[in-house]
Amino acid sequence: MSLIFDDISLLADFGSDRLSQTADIEKIAGAKNLWELRTRCVNNIIYRTLFAIIGEEIIILNIFNKKERKLKKREIDLALKRLNKSN
């Protein structure tokens, strides 16, 4: 779990202006202001952190272990629901 926190910390230091320049961060297509951060852990397990950037703040919305290749709609919907509650 500490690797996830390390990546989030690096994300905060990295800044939103260069997000798409790294392979481990990408914008979620079709979702306004929603991004995905991939953290590779031991035994090739990959955790996904869905987050939004509002002004200067990074809002962590959902962290989960993604086993399939495609991001599930329910994970995106949950993140968007949490984002709407935070505004």
Protein backbone atom coordinates (compact mmCIF):
# COMPACT_ATOMS: atom_id res chain seq x y z
CA MET A 1 0.00 0.00 0.00
CA SER A 2 2.93 2.33 0.60
CA LEU A 3 3.77 2.28 -3.12
CA ILE A 4 0.34 3.75 -3.85
CA PHE A 5 0.91 6.56 -1.35
CA ASP A 6 4.37 7.17 -2.83
CA ASP A 7 2.87 7.49 -6.32
CA ILE A 8 0.18 9.87 -5.07
CA SER A 9 2.85 11.98 -3.41
CA LEU A 10 4.83 12.08 -6.66
CA LEU A 11 1.65 13.01 -8.47
CA ALA A 12 1.19 15.99 -6.16
CA ASP A 13 4.79 17.06 -6.82
CA PHE A 14 4.56 16.42 -10.56
CA GLY A 15 1.68 18.83 -11.18
CA SER A 16 -1.31 18.70 -13.48
CA ASP A 17 0.30 20.53 -16.39
CA ARG A 18 2.43 17.52 -17.39
CA LEU A 19 0.14 14.63 -16.42
CA SER A 20 -0.17 13.06 -19.83
CA GLN A 21 3.61 12.89 -20.32
CA THR A 22 3.94 9.75 -18.20
CA ALA A 23 2.74 6.30 -19.20
CA ASP A 24 1.36 5.58 -15.72
CA ILE A 25 -1.11 8.48 -15.76
CA GLU A 26 -3.83 9.10 -18.31
CA LYS A 27 -7.10 10.96 -18.66
CA ILE A 28 -10.24 8.83 -18.60
CA ALA A 29 -11.92 9.20 -21.99
CA GLY A 30 -15.43 10.60 -21.87
CA ALA A 31 -15.20 11.72 -18.24
CA LYS A 32 -14.53 15.39 -17.58
CA ASN A 33 -11.57 15.97 -15.24
CA LEU A 34 -11.09 12.30 -14.30
CA TRP A 35 -7.62 10.74 -14.37
CA GLU A 36 -6.14 7.30 -13.71
CA LEU A 37 -2.82 6.61 -11.96
CA ARG A 38 -1.39 3.08 -12.25
CA THR A 39 0.81 1.71 -9.47
CA ARG A 40 2.73 -1.49 -10.15
CA CYS A 41 3.32 -3.58 -7.04
CA VAL A 42 4.94 -6.93 -6.20
CA ASN A 43 3.94 -9.98 -8.28
CA ASN A 44 2.82 -7.75 -11.17
CA ILE A 45 -0.29 -6.56 -9.29
CA ILE A 46 -1.50 -3.20 -10.56
CA TYR A 47 -3.58 -0.81 -8.48
CA ARG A 48 -5.56 2.00 -10.06
CA THR A 49 -6.19 5.36 -8.44
CA LEU A 50 -8.92 7.46 -10.00
CA PHE A 51 -8.58 11.13 -9.18
CA ALA A 52 -9.66 14.61 -10.24
CA ILE A 53 -7.87 17.93 -10.17
CA ILE A 54 -9.89 20.88 -8.96
CA GLY A 55 -7.87 24.07 -8.97
CA GLU A 56 -4.67 23.22 -7.12
CA GLU A 57 -6.16 20.20 -5.31
CA ILE A 58 -5.93 16.53 -6.23
CA ILE A 59 -9.02 14.64 -5.08
CA ILE A 60 -8.57 10.88 -4.71
CA LEU A 61 -11.87 9.25 -5.66
CA ASN A 62 -11.28 5.50 -5.93
CA ILE A 63 -8.39 3.04 -5.44
CA PHE A 64 -8.79 -0.55 -6.58
CA ASN A 65 -6.97 -3.57 -7.97
CA LYS A 66 -7.75 -3.85 -11.66
CA LYS A 67 -7.55 -7.39 -12.95
CA GLU A 68 -9.07 -6.96 -16.40
CA ARG A 69 -7.58 -5.01 -19.26
CA LYS A 70 -10.50 -2.61 -19.61
CA LEU A 71 -11.49 -0.20 -16.86
CA LYS A 72 -14.96 -1.15 -15.60
CA LYS A 73 -17.76 1.37 -15.94
CA ARG A 74 -18.81 0.84 -12.31
CA GLU A 75 -15.39 2.05 -11.10
CA ILE A 76 -15.69 5.21 -13.21
CA ASP A 77 -19.30 5.76 -12.08
CA LEU A 78 -18.28 5.43 -8.42
CA ALA A 79 -15.47 7.96 -8.88
CA LEU A 80 -17.80 10.41 -10.65
CA LYS A 81 -20.43 10.01 -7.94
CA ARG A 82 -17.83 10.80 -5.27
CA LEU A 83 -16.57 13.76 -7.30
CA ASN A 84 -20.08 15.19 -7.58
CA LYS A 85 -20.56 14.84 -3.79
CA SER A 86 -17.30 16.69 -3.13
CA ASN A 87 -18.35 19.76 -5.15
